[in-house]
Amino acid sequence: MVKGISRRVIVVDSPDPRIFEQAIFIIRNDAAAGSGGVTSQQLVDQAVRIAKNYARTHGGTATKAKLQLTPWISALLGGAAIGLVWLLVCLI
């Protein structure tokens, strides 16, 4: 048996398709009726603003690449540090 419920939704295309394709907002029945003084255009504008804000804050371009020390680089840096200490000890 299928229960029929009517819902109003706003579908917003993504400003950055690498993050998501579309955002789907399910509108509450009392907000859709316009009883709170909110127009349909204001609902759409707010949905677009939320989608853009999410794409901006969760985008992959803002992250910086971290320097990763492999075991070989760590060994070379450690050997260089020990060699420098021995050199300083021998000069003193």
PDB file of N, CA and C in Angstrom:
ATOM      1  N   MET A   1       0.849  -1.179   0.000  1.00  0.00           N
ATOM      2  CA  MET A   1       0.000   0.000   0.000  1.00  0.00           C
ATOM      3  C   MET A   1       0.890   1.236   0.000  1.00  0.00           C
ATOM      4  N   VAL A   2       0.550   2.195  -0.798  1.00  0.00           N
ATOM      5  CA  VAL A   2       1.325   3.421  -0.918  1.00  0.00           C
ATOM      6  C   VAL A   2       0.558   4.547  -0.250  1.00  0.00           C
ATOM      7  N   LYS A   3       1.256   5.246   0.614  1.00  0.00           N
ATOM      8  CA  LYS A   3       0.644   6.377   1.297  1.00  0.00           C
ATOM      9  C   LYS A   3       0.994   7.635   0.524  1.00  0.00           C
ATOM     10  N   GLY A   4       0.024   8.406   0.163  1.00  0.00           N
ATOM     11  CA  GLY A   4       0.276   9.608  -0.624  1.00  0.00           C
ATOM     12  C   GLY A   4       0.456  10.825   0.260  1.00  0.00           C
ATOM     13  N   ILE A   5       1.673  11.367   0.241  1.00  0.00           N
ATOM     14  CA  ILE A   5       1.963  12.588   0.990  1.00  0.00           C
ATOM     15  C   ILE A   5       2.541  13.584   0.010  1.00  0.00           C
ATOM     16  N   SER A   6       2.012  14.737   0.018  1.00  0.00           N
ATOM     17  CA  SER A   6       2.491  15.787  -0.881  1.00  0.00           C
ATOM     18  C   SER A   6       3.499  16.653  -0.139  1.00  0.00           C
ATOM     19  N   ARG A   7       4.692  16.785  -0.699  1.00  0.00           N
ATOM     20  CA  ARG A   7       5.741  17.617  -0.107  1.00  0.00           C
ATOM     21  C   ARG A   7       6.200  18.639  -1.131  1.00  0.00           C
ATOM     22  N   ARG A   8       6.574  19.794  -0.641  1.00  0.00           N
ATOM     23  CA  ARG A   8       7.172  20.810  -1.511  1.00  0.00           C
ATOM     24  C   ARG A   8       8.671  20.774  -1.300  1.00  0.00           C
ATOM     25  N   VAL A   9       9.421  20.784  -2.393  1.00  0.00           N
ATOM     26  CA  VAL A   9      10.872  20.728  -2.326  1.00  0.00           C
ATOM     27  C   VAL A   9      11.463  21.824  -3.191  1.00  0.00           C
ATOM     28  N   ILE A  10      12.693  22.176  -2.845  1.00  0.00           N
ATOM     29  CA  ILE A  10      13.501  23.092  -3.662  1.00  0.00           C
ATOM     30  C   ILE A  10      14.752  22.323  -4.037  1.00  0.00           C
ATOM     31  N   VAL A  11      15.031  22.245  -5.333  1.00  0.00           N
ATOM     32  CA  VAL A  11      16.223  21.571  -5.834  1.00  0.00           C
ATOM     33  C   VAL A  11      17.166  22.648  -6.360  1.00  0.00           C
ATOM     34  N   VAL A  12      18.377  22.678  -5.787  1.00  0.00           N
ATOM     35  CA  VAL A  12      19.375  23.691  -6.148  1.00  0.00           C
ATOM     36  C   VAL A  12      20.555  22.983  -6.801  1.00  0.00           C
ATOM     37  N   ASP A  13      20.944  23.424  -7.993  1.00  0.00           N
ATOM     38  CA  ASP A  13      22.140  22.879  -8.639  1.00  0.00           C
ATOM     39  C   ASP A  13      23.379  23.355  -7.898  1.00  0.00           C
ATOM     40  N   SER A  14      24.397  22.517  -7.892  1.00  0.00           N
ATOM     41  CA  SER A  14      25.609  22.802  -7.129  1.00  0.00           C
ATOM     42  C   SER A  14      26.445  23.892  -7.785  1.00  0.00           C
ATOM     43  N   PRO A  15      26.982  24.821  -6.992  1.00  0.00           N
ATOM     44  CA  PRO A  15      27.928  25.790  -7.532  1.00  0.00           C
ATOM     45  C   PRO A  15      29.292  25.148  -7.816  1.00  0.00           C
ATOM     46  N   ASP A  16      29.577  24.019  -7.175  1.00  0.00           N
ATOM     47  CA  ASP A  16      30.834  23.295  -7.384  1.00  0.00           C
ATOM     48  C   ASP A  16      30.501  21.815  -7.525  1.00  0.00           C
ATOM     49  N   PRO A  17      30.415  21.296  -8.772  1.00  0.00           N
ATOM     50  CA  PRO A  17      29.979  19.911  -8.970  1.00  0.00           C
ATOM     51  C   PRO A  17      30.929  18.856  -8.410  1.00  0.00           C
ATOM     52  N   ARG A  18      32.137  19.229  -7.983  1.00  0.00           N
ATOM     53  CA  ARG A  18      33.039  18.256  -7.374  1.00  0.00           C
ATOM     54  C   ARG A  18      32.562  17.843  -5.998  1.00  0.00           C
ATOM     55  N   ILE A  19      31.756  18.652  -5.355  1.00  0.00           N
ATOM     56  CA  ILE A  19      31.297  18.373  -3.995  1.00  0.00           C
ATOM     57  C   ILE A  19      29.949  17.657  -4.010  1.00  0.00           C
ATOM     58  N   PHE A  20      28.969  18.215  -4.712  1.00  0.00           N
ATOM     59  CA  PHE A  20      27.664  17.579  -4.834  1.00  0.00           C
ATOM     60  C   PHE A  20      27.017  18.048  -6.131  1.00  0.00           C
ATOM     61  N   GLU A  21      26.071  17.243  -6.644  1.00  0.00           N
ATOM     62  CA  GLU A  21      25.376  17.598  -7.877  1.00  0.00           C
ATOM     63  C   GLU A  21      24.223  18.550  -7.607  1.00  0.00           C
ATOM     64  N   GLN A  22      23.388  18.171  -6.670  1.00  0.00           N
ATOM     65  CA  GLN A  22      22.218  18.960  -6.348  1.00  0.00           C
ATOM     66  C   GLN A  22      21.973  18.919  -4.847  1.00  0.00           C
ATOM     67  N   ALA A  23      21.363  19.969  -4.367  1.00  0.00           N
ATOM     68  CA  ALA A  23      20.908  19.995  -2.978  1.00  0.00           C
ATOM     69  C   ALA A  23      19.379  20.012  -3.005  1.00  0.00           C
ATOM     70  N   ILE A  24      18.778  19.149  -2.221  1.00  0.00           N
ATOM     71  CA  ILE A  24      17.319  19.053  -2.182  1.00  0.00           C
ATOM     72  C   ILE A  24      16.854  19.486  -0.803  1.00  0.00           C
ATOM     73  N   PHE A  25      16.056  20.528  -0.768  1.00  0.00           N
ATOM     74  CA  PHE A  25      15.512  21.061   0.480  1.00  0.00           C
ATOM     75  C   PHE A  25      14.033  20.711   0.552  1.00  0.00           C
ATOM     76  N   ILE A  26      13.605  20.054   1.621  1.00  0.00           N
ATOM     77  CA  ILE A  26      12.204  19.721   1.832  1.00  0.00           C
ATOM     78  C   ILE A  26      11.606  20.821   2.701  1.00  0.00           C
ATOM     79  N   ILE A  27      10.605  21.480   2.150  1.00  0.00           N
ATOM     80  CA  ILE A  27      10.016  22.649   2.802  1.00  0.00           C
ATOM     81  C   ILE A  27       8.932  22.199   3.786  1.00  0.00           C
ATOM     82  N   ARG A  28       8.969  22.777   4.961  1.00  0.00           N
ATOM     83  CA  ARG A  28       7.936  22.480   5.953  1.00  0.00           C
ATOM     84  C   ARG A  28       6.591  22.987   5.449  1.00  0.00           C
ATOM     85  N   ASN A  29       5.533  22.304   5.860  1.00  0.00           N
ATOM     86  CA  ASN A  29       4.196  22.675   5.393  1.00  0.00           C
ATOM     87  C   ASN A  29       3.800  24.071   5.845  1.00  0.00           C
ATOM     88  N   ASP A  30       4.153  24.437   7.084  1.00  0.00           N
ATOM     89  CA  ASP A  30       3.772  25.768   7.559  1.00  0.00           C
ATOM     90  C   ASP A  30       4.580  26.867   6.877  1.00  0.00           C
ATOM     91  N   ALA A  31       5.802  26.588   6.463  1.00  0.00           N
ATOM     92  CA  ALA A  31       6.601  27.586   5.749  1.00  0.00           C
ATOM     93  C   ALA A  31       6.128  27.722   4.313  1.00  0.00           C
ATOM     94  N   ALA A  32       5.677  26.631   3.736  1.00  0.00           N
ATOM     95  CA  ALA A  32       5.225  26.665   2.349  1.00  0.00           C
ATOM     96  C   ALA A  32       3.901  27.400   2.212  1.00  0.00           C
ATOM     97  N   ALA A  33       3.123  27.433   3.262  1.00  0.00           N
ATOM     98  CA  ALA A  33       1.830  28.097   3.203  1.00  0.00           C
ATOM     99  C   ALA A  33       1.974  29.613   3.187  1.00  0.00           C
ATOM    100  N   GLY A  34       3.132  30.124   3.579  1.00  0.00           N
ATOM    101  CA  GLY A  34       3.348  31.565   3.564  1.00  0.00           C
ATOM    102  C   GLY A  34       2.765  32.269   4.765  1.00  0.00           C
ATOM    103  N   SER A  35       2.420  31.524   5.799  1.00  0.00           N
ATOM    104  CA  SER A  35       1.804  32.138   6.984  1.00  0.00           C
ATOM    105  C   SER A  35       2.796  32.974   7.774  1.00  0.00           C
ATOM    106  N   GLY A  36       4.099  32.674   7.646  1.00  0.00           N
ATOM    107  CA  GLY A  36       5.106  33.404   8.410  1.00  0.00           C
ATOM    108  C   GLY A  36       5.630  34.633   7.684  1.00  0.00           C
ATOM    109  N   GLY A  37       5.010  34.998   6.589  1.00  0.00           N
ATOM    110  CA  GLY A  37       5.462  36.159   5.849  1.00  0.00           C
ATOM    111  C   GLY A  37       6.647  35.891   4.948  1.00  0.00           C
ATOM    112  N   VAL A  38       6.918  34.615   4.645  1.00  0.00           N
ATOM    113  CA  VAL A  38       8.042  34.231   3.795  1.00  0.00           C
ATOM    114  C   VAL A  38       7.498  33.898   2.420  1.00  0.00           C
ATOM    115  N   THR A  39       8.044  34.535   1.406  1.00  0.00           N
ATOM    116  CA  THR A  39       7.604  34.271   0.041  1.00  0.00           C
ATOM    117  C   THR A  39       8.364  33.085  -0.538  1.00  0.00           C
ATOM    118  N   SER A  40       7.857  32.569  -1.631  1.00  0.00           N
ATOM    119  CA  SER A  40       8.528  31.451  -2.308  1.00  0.00           C
ATOM    120  C   SER A  40       9.909  31.856  -2.794  1.00  0.00           C
ATOM    121  N   GLN A  41      10.039  33.086  -3.271  1.00  0.00           N
ATOM    122  CA  GLN A  41      11.334  33.559  -3.749  1.00  0.00           C
ATOM    123  C   GLN A  41      12.350  33.653  -2.615  1.00  0.00           C
ATOM    124  N   GLN A  42      11.908  34.046  -1.429  1.00  0.00           N
ATOM    125  CA  GLN A  42      12.806  34.098  -0.278  1.00  0.00           C
ATOM    126  C   GLN A  42      13.273  32.699   0.122  1.00  0.00           C
ATOM    127  N   LEU A  43      12.383  31.699   0.032  1.00  0.00           N
ATOM    128  CA  LEU A  43      12.772  30.322   0.315  1.00  0.00           C
ATOM    129  C   LEU A  43      13.828  29.840  -0.678  1.00  0.00           C
ATOM    130  N   VAL A  44      13.637  30.134  -1.955  1.00  0.00           N
ATOM    131  CA  VAL A  44      14.608  29.725  -2.976  1.00  0.00           C
ATOM    132  C   VAL A  44      15.935  30.436  -2.759  1.00  0.00           C
ATOM    133  N   ASP A  45      15.887  31.737  -2.482  1.00  0.00           N
ATOM    134  CA  ASP A  45      17.127  32.495  -2.242  1.00  0.00           C
ATOM    135  C   ASP A  45      17.902  31.938  -1.056  1.00  0.00           C
ATOM    136  N   GLN A  46      17.207  31.585   0.014  1.00  0.00           N
ATOM    137  CA  GLN A  46      17.875  31.035   1.185  1.00  0.00           C
ATOM    138  C   GLN A  46      18.475  29.659   0.874  1.00  0.00           C
ATOM    139  N   ALA A  47      17.782  28.844   0.099  1.00  0.00           N
ATOM    140  CA  ALA A  47      18.303  27.533  -0.277  1.00  0.00           C
ATOM    141  C   ALA A  47      19.569  27.676  -1.121  1.00  0.00           C
ATOM    142  N   VAL A  48      19.575  28.609  -2.055  1.00  0.00           N
ATOM    143  CA  VAL A  48      20.762  28.847  -2.889  1.00  0.00           C
ATOM    144  C   VAL A  48      21.916  29.349  -2.031  1.00  0.00           C
ATOM    145  N   ARG A  49      21.629  30.234  -1.092  1.00  0.00           N
ATOM    146  CA  ARG A  49      22.661  30.777  -0.210  1.00  0.00           C
ATOM    147  C   ARG A  49      23.278  29.666   0.661  1.00  0.00           C
ATOM    148  N   ILE A  50      22.446  28.772   1.163  1.00  0.00           N
ATOM    149  CA  ILE A  50      22.946  27.668   1.988  1.00  0.00           C
ATOM    150  C   ILE A  50      23.817  26.736   1.162  1.00  0.00           C
ATOM    151  N   ALA A  51      23.393  26.417  -0.062  1.00  0.00           N
ATOM    152  CA  ALA A  51      24.176  25.528  -0.927  1.00  0.00           C
ATOM    153  C   ALA A  51      25.526  26.152  -1.282  1.00  0.00           C
ATOM    154  N   LYS A  52      25.536  27.447  -1.588  1.00  0.00           N
ATOM    155  CA  LYS A  52      26.807  28.118  -1.904  1.00  0.00           C
ATOM    156  C   LYS A  52      27.731  28.164  -0.691  1.00  0.00           C
ATOM    157  N   ASN A  53      27.177  28.432   0.476  1.00  0.00           N
ATOM    158  CA  ASN A  53      27.981  28.483   1.693  1.00  0.00           C
ATOM    159  C   ASN A  53      28.587  27.117   1.996  1.00  0.00           C
ATOM    160  N   TYR A  54      27.811  26.060   1.818  1.00  0.00           N
ATOM    161  CA  TYR A  54      28.329  24.710   2.058  1.00  0.00           C
ATOM    162  C   TYR A  54      29.450  24.383   1.078  1.00  0.00           C
ATOM    163  N   ALA A  55      29.256  24.717  -0.186  1.00  0.00           N
ATOM    164  CA  ALA A  55      30.295  24.434  -1.191  1.00  0.00           C
ATOM    165  C   ALA A  55      31.564  25.224  -0.902  1.00  0.00           C
ATOM    166  N   ARG A  56      31.422  26.450  -0.422  1.00  0.00           N
ATOM    167  CA  ARG A  56      32.598  27.269  -0.129  1.00  0.00           C
ATOM    168  C   ARG A  56      33.366  26.740   1.081  1.00  0.00           C
ATOM    169  N   THR A  57      32.645  26.324   2.124  1.00  0.00           N
ATOM    170  CA  THR A  57      33.324  25.875   3.340  1.00  0.00           C
ATOM    171  C   THR A  57      33.829  24.445   3.259  1.00  0.00           C
ATOM    172  N   HIS A  58      33.259  23.615   2.377  1.00  0.00           N
ATOM    173  CA  HIS A  58      33.663  22.214   2.280  1.00  0.00           C
ATOM    174  C   HIS A  58      34.400  21.920   0.987  1.00  0.00           C
ATOM    175  N   GLY A  59      34.834  22.958   0.302  1.00  0.00           N
ATOM    176  CA  GLY A  59      35.559  22.755  -0.950  1.00  0.00           C
ATOM    177  C   GLY A  59      36.955  22.211  -0.724  1.00  0.00           C
ATOM    178  N   GLY A  60      37.499  21.455  -1.670  1.00  0.00           N
ATOM    179  CA  GLY A  60      38.807  20.848  -1.531  1.00  0.00           C
ATOM    180  C   GLY A  60      39.950  21.766  -1.927  1.00  0.00           C
ATOM    181  N   THR A  61      39.652  22.942  -2.504  1.00  0.00           N
ATOM    182  CA  THR A  61      40.723  23.808  -2.975  1.00  0.00           C
ATOM    183  C   THR A  61      41.374  24.603  -1.855  1.00  0.00           C
ATOM    184  N   ALA A  62      40.694  24.751  -0.731  1.00  0.00           N
ATOM    185  CA  ALA A  62      41.238  25.588   0.343  1.00  0.00           C
ATOM    186  C   ALA A  62      42.237  24.852   1.227  1.00  0.00           C
ATOM    187  N   THR A  63      42.279  23.550   1.120  1.00  0.00           N
ATOM    188  CA  THR A  63      43.186  22.808   1.983  1.00  0.00           C
ATOM    189  C   THR A  63      44.613  22.882   1.454  1.00  0.00           C
ATOM    190  N   LYS A  64      45.561  22.944   2.363  1.00  0.00           N
ATOM    191  CA  LYS A  64      46.967  23.000   1.992  1.00  0.00           C
ATOM    192  C   LYS A  64      47.567  21.604   2.062  1.00  0.00           C
ATOM    193  N   ALA A  65      48.506  21.349   1.172  1.00  0.00           N
ATOM    194  CA  ALA A  65      49.185  20.058   1.179  1.00  0.00           C
ATOM    195  C   ALA A  65      50.145  20.014   2.363  1.00  0.00           C
ATOM    196  N   LYS A  66      50.122  18.923   3.093  1.00  0.00           N
ATOM    197  CA  LYS A  66      50.994  18.777   4.250  1.00  0.00           C
ATOM    198  C   LYS A  66      52.296  18.116   3.818  1.00  0.00           C
ATOM    199  N   LEU A  67      53.376  18.553   4.416  1.00  0.00           N
ATOM    200  CA  LEU A  67      54.676  17.939   4.158  1.00  0.00           C
ATOM    201  C   LEU A  67      54.727  16.621   4.899  1.00  0.00           C
ATOM    202  N   GLN A  68      54.966  15.549   4.157  1.00  0.00           N
ATOM    203  CA  GLN A  68      55.031  14.238   4.778  1.00  0.00           C
ATOM    204  C   GLN A  68      56.466  13.764   4.778  1.00  0.00           C
ATOM    205  N   LEU A  69      56.955  13.406   5.959  1.00  0.00           N
ATOM    206  CA  LEU A  69      58.307  12.905   6.101  1.00  0.00           C
ATOM    207  C   LEU A  69      58.305  11.393   5.945  1.00  0.00           C
ATOM    208  N   THR A  70      58.942  10.936   4.895  1.00  0.00           N
ATOM    209  CA  THR A  70      59.077   9.498   4.715  1.00  0.00           C
ATOM    210  C   THR A  70      60.209   9.009   5.620  1.00  0.00           C
ATOM    211  N   PRO A  71      60.307   7.723   5.835  1.00  0.00           N
ATOM    212  CA  PRO A  71      61.393   7.209   6.688  1.00  0.00           C
ATOM    213  C   PRO A  71      62.784   7.575   6.145  1.00  0.00           C
ATOM    214  N   TRP A  72      62.947   7.586   4.840  1.00  0.00           N
ATOM    215  CA  TRP A  72      64.258   7.935   4.269  1.00  0.00           C
ATOM    216  C   TRP A  72      64.622   9.390   4.543  1.00  0.00           C
ATOM    217  N   ILE A  73      63.670  10.280   4.405  1.00  0.00           N
ATOM    218  CA  ILE A  73      63.954  11.698   4.675  1.00  0.00           C
ATOM    219  C   ILE A  73      64.234  11.896   6.160  1.00  0.00           C
ATOM    220  N   SER A  74      63.477  11.213   7.014  1.00  0.00           N
ATOM    221  CA  SER A  74      63.712  11.314   8.458  1.00  0.00           C
ATOM    222  C   SER A  74      65.114  10.810   8.818  1.00  0.00           C
ATOM    223  N   ALA A  75      65.529   9.700   8.209  1.00  0.00           N
ATOM    224  CA  ALA A  75      66.865   9.157   8.485  1.00  0.00           C
ATOM    225  C   ALA A  75      67.948  10.120   8.019  1.00  0.00           C
ATOM    226  N   LEU A  76      67.787  10.712   6.849  1.00  0.00           N
ATOM    227  CA  LEU A  76      68.782  11.675   6.358  1.00  0.00           C
ATOM    228  C   LEU A  76      68.868  12.908   7.257  1.00  0.00           C
ATOM    229  N   LEU A  77      67.702  13.421   7.675  1.00  0.00           N
ATOM    230  CA  LEU A  77      67.721  14.587   8.558  1.00  0.00           C
ATOM    231  C   LEU A  77      68.335  14.253   9.911  1.00  0.00           C
ATOM    232  N   GLY A  78      68.026  13.067  10.437  1.00  0.00           N
ATOM    233  CA  GLY A  78      68.621  12.656  11.717  1.00  0.00           C
ATOM    234  C   GLY A  78      70.117  12.480  11.611  1.00  0.00           C
ATOM    235  N   GLY A  79      70.582  11.856  10.511  1.00  0.00           N
ATOM    236  CA  GLY A  79      72.025  11.689  10.305  1.00  0.00           C
ATOM    237  C   GLY A  79      72.740  13.016  10.153  1.00  0.00           C
ATOM    238  N   ALA A  80      72.105  13.951   9.452  1.00  0.00           N
ATOM    239  CA  ALA A  80      72.703  15.270   9.286  1.00  0.00           C
ATOM    240  C   ALA A  80      72.795  15.996  10.627  1.00  0.00           C
ATOM    241  N   ALA A  81      71.770  15.855  11.465  1.00  0.00           N
ATOM    242  CA  ALA A  81      71.788  16.506  12.770  1.00  0.00           C
ATOM    243  C   ALA A  81      72.887  15.917  13.653  1.00  0.00           C
ATOM    244  N   ILE A  82      73.028  14.596  13.654  1.00  0.00           N
ATOM    245  CA  ILE A  82      74.084  13.958  14.449  1.00  0.00           C
ATOM    246  C   ILE A  82      75.460  14.360  13.935  1.00  0.00           C
ATOM    247  N   GLY A  83      75.621  14.401  12.609  1.00  0.00           N
ATOM    248  CA  GLY A  83      76.895  14.826  12.040  1.00  0.00           C
ATOM    249  C   GLY A  83      77.237  16.251  12.415  1.00  0.00           C
ATOM    250  N   LEU A  84      76.257  17.115  12.432  1.00  0.00           N
ATOM    251  CA  LEU A  84      76.493  18.521  12.824  1.00  0.00           C
ATOM    252  C   LEU A  84      76.899  18.607  14.294  1.00  0.00           C
ATOM    253  N   VAL A  85      76.264  17.817  15.150  1.00  0.00           N
ATOM    254  CA  VAL A  85      76.629  17.819  16.565  1.00  0.00           C
ATOM    255  C   VAL A  85      78.060  17.320  16.753  1.00  0.00           C
ATOM    256  N   TRP A  86      78.449  16.236  16.078  1.00  0.00           N
ATOM    257  CA  TRP A  86      79.818  15.737  16.174  1.00  0.00           C
ATOM    258  C   TRP A  86      80.830  16.760  15.677  1.00  0.00           C
ATOM    259  N   LEU A  87      80.466  17.451  14.601  1.00  0.00           N
ATOM    260  CA  LEU A  87      81.371  18.496  14.068  1.00  0.00           C
ATOM    261  C   LEU A  87      81.563  19.612  15.089  1.00  0.00           C
ATOM    262  N   LEU A  88      80.474  20.038  15.709  1.00  0.00           N
ATOM    263  CA  LEU A  88      80.585  21.104  16.717  1.00  0.00           C
ATOM    264  C   LEU A  88      81.361  20.648  17.935  1.00  0.00           C
ATOM    265  N   VAL A  89      81.186  19.393  18.355  1.00  0.00           N
ATOM    266  CA  VAL A  89      81.915  18.863  19.508  1.00  0.00           C
ATOM    267  C   VAL A  89      83.423  18.791  19.194  1.00  0.00           C
ATOM    268  N   CYS A  90      83.774  18.386  17.993  1.00  0.00           N
ATOM    269  CA  CYS A  90      85.185  18.262  17.615  1.00  0.00           C
ATOM    270  C   CYS A  90      85.872  19.621  17.512  1.00  0.00           C
ATOM    271  N   LEU A  91      85.127  20.653  17.123  1.00  0.00           N
ATOM    272  CA  LEU A  91      85.698  21.988  16.989  1.00  0.00           C
ATOM    273  C   LEU A  91      85.890  22.670  18.323  1.00  0.00           C
ATOM    274  N   ILE A  92      85.144  22.283  19.315  1.00  0.00           N
ATOM    275  CA  ILE A  92      85.242  22.932  20.622  1.00  0.00           C
ATOM    276  C   ILE A  92      86.391  22.376  21.356  1.00  0.00           C
TER     277      ILE A  92
END
